Amino acid sequence: MLVSNPVFSHPVVMLVFFDTFTTNVCFLLQVIETFVNDSYVKQHDSRLSDGQVTNVWSLIVSIWAVGGMIGGVFGGVVTNLLGR
């Protein structure tokens, strides 16, 4: 049986959460794209195409997601071994 959380089922809370989440993700996208292009220019004296920047961004996001899954699996084990 699925139990809903009454706090997150409120429309205003959901709107604020998703608005904040999408704003931060879009801001981070611009920051990381700029960083990737600036780093590449310093090393190779040319800019990356939009497709190449998108590929680098996709790789960064994928690595972050995989790291989160690994941390979620082993976080409890390490906490139990080292103490809380």
Protein backbone atom coordinates (compact mmCIF):
# COMPACT_ATOMS: atom_id res chain seq x y z
CA MET A 1 0.00 0.00 0.00
CA LEU A 2 1.37 3.40 -0.96
CA VAL A 3 1.41 5.95 1.84
CA SER A 4 1.45 9.58 0.77
CA ASN A 5 3.24 12.28 2.69
CA PRO A 6 0.73 15.05 3.52
CA VAL A 7 3.45 17.71 3.47
CA PHE A 8 4.53 17.00 -0.11
CA SER A 9 0.99 16.50 -1.36
CA HIS A 10 0.15 20.17 -0.75
CA PRO A 11 0.17 22.02 -4.11
CA VAL A 12 2.09 25.07 -2.84
CA VAL A 13 4.86 22.94 -1.33
CA MET A 14 5.14 20.96 -4.56
CA LEU A 15 5.27 24.12 -6.66
CA VAL A 16 8.00 25.69 -4.51
CA PHE A 17 10.03 22.46 -4.49
CA PHE A 18 9.89 21.90 -8.24
CA ASP A 19 10.44 25.58 -9.05
CA THR A 20 13.50 25.71 -6.81
CA PHE A 21 14.79 22.39 -8.16
CA THR A 22 14.49 23.37 -11.82
CA THR A 23 15.94 26.84 -11.21
CA ASN A 24 18.99 25.38 -9.47
CA VAL A 25 19.52 22.72 -12.12
CA CYS A 26 19.34 25.29 -14.92
CA PHE A 27 21.75 27.57 -13.07
CA LEU A 28 24.18 24.69 -12.49
CA LEU A 29 23.93 23.72 -16.15
CA GLN A 30 25.08 27.19 -17.20
CA VAL A 31 27.91 27.24 -14.63
CA ILE A 32 29.22 23.81 -15.62
CA GLU A 33 28.92 24.52 -19.36
CA THR A 34 30.92 27.71 -18.91
CA PHE A 35 33.52 25.90 -16.80
CA VAL A 36 33.87 23.08 -19.34
CA ASN A 37 34.24 25.49 -22.27
CA ASP A 38 36.70 27.77 -20.43
CA SER A 39 38.82 24.79 -19.35
CA TYR A 40 38.86 23.42 -22.89
CA VAL A 41 39.81 26.81 -24.35
CA LYS A 42 42.74 27.13 -21.92
CA GLN A 43 44.08 23.72 -22.93
CA HIS A 44 43.31 23.59 -26.67
CA ASP A 45 42.69 27.20 -27.82
CA SER A 46 39.31 26.30 -29.32
CA ARG A 47 35.74 26.02 -28.07
CA LEU A 48 33.58 22.91 -27.85
CA SER A 49 30.45 22.64 -29.94
CA ASP A 50 27.06 22.65 -28.23
CA GLY A 51 26.74 18.90 -28.78
CA GLN A 52 30.11 18.23 -27.17
CA VAL A 53 29.22 20.37 -24.15
CA THR A 54 25.93 18.48 -23.85
CA ASN A 55 27.82 15.18 -23.91
CA VAL A 56 30.16 16.33 -21.13
CA TRP A 57 27.17 17.57 -19.07
CA SER A 58 25.43 14.20 -19.59
CA LEU A 59 28.54 12.35 -18.43
CA ILE A 60 28.81 14.53 -15.30
CA VAL A 61 25.15 13.98 -14.41
CA SER A 62 25.43 10.23 -15.02
CA ILE A 63 28.51 9.90 -12.80
CA TRP A 64 26.74 11.90 -10.07
CA ALA A 65 23.72 9.58 -10.22
CA VAL A 66 25.85 6.42 -10.10
CA GLY A 67 27.79 7.83 -7.15
CA GLY A 68 24.52 8.49 -5.35
CA MET A 69 23.39 4.91 -5.89
CA ILE A 70 26.69 3.50 -4.65
CA GLY A 71 26.62 5.82 -1.63
CA GLY A 72 23.07 4.79 -0.85
CA VAL A 73 23.97 1.11 -0.92
CA PHE A 74 27.16 1.34 1.14
CA GLY A 75 26.34 4.31 3.38
CA GLY A 76 24.44 2.26 5.95
CA VAL A 77 27.09 -0.45 6.03
CA VAL A 78 29.92 2.03 6.59
CA THR A 79 27.89 3.85 9.24
CA ASN A 80 27.25 0.61 11.11
CA LEU A 81 30.92 -0.36 10.92
CA LEU A 82 32.29 3.01 12.03
CA GLY A 83 29.50 3.89 14.44
CA ARG A 84 26.83 6.51 14.34
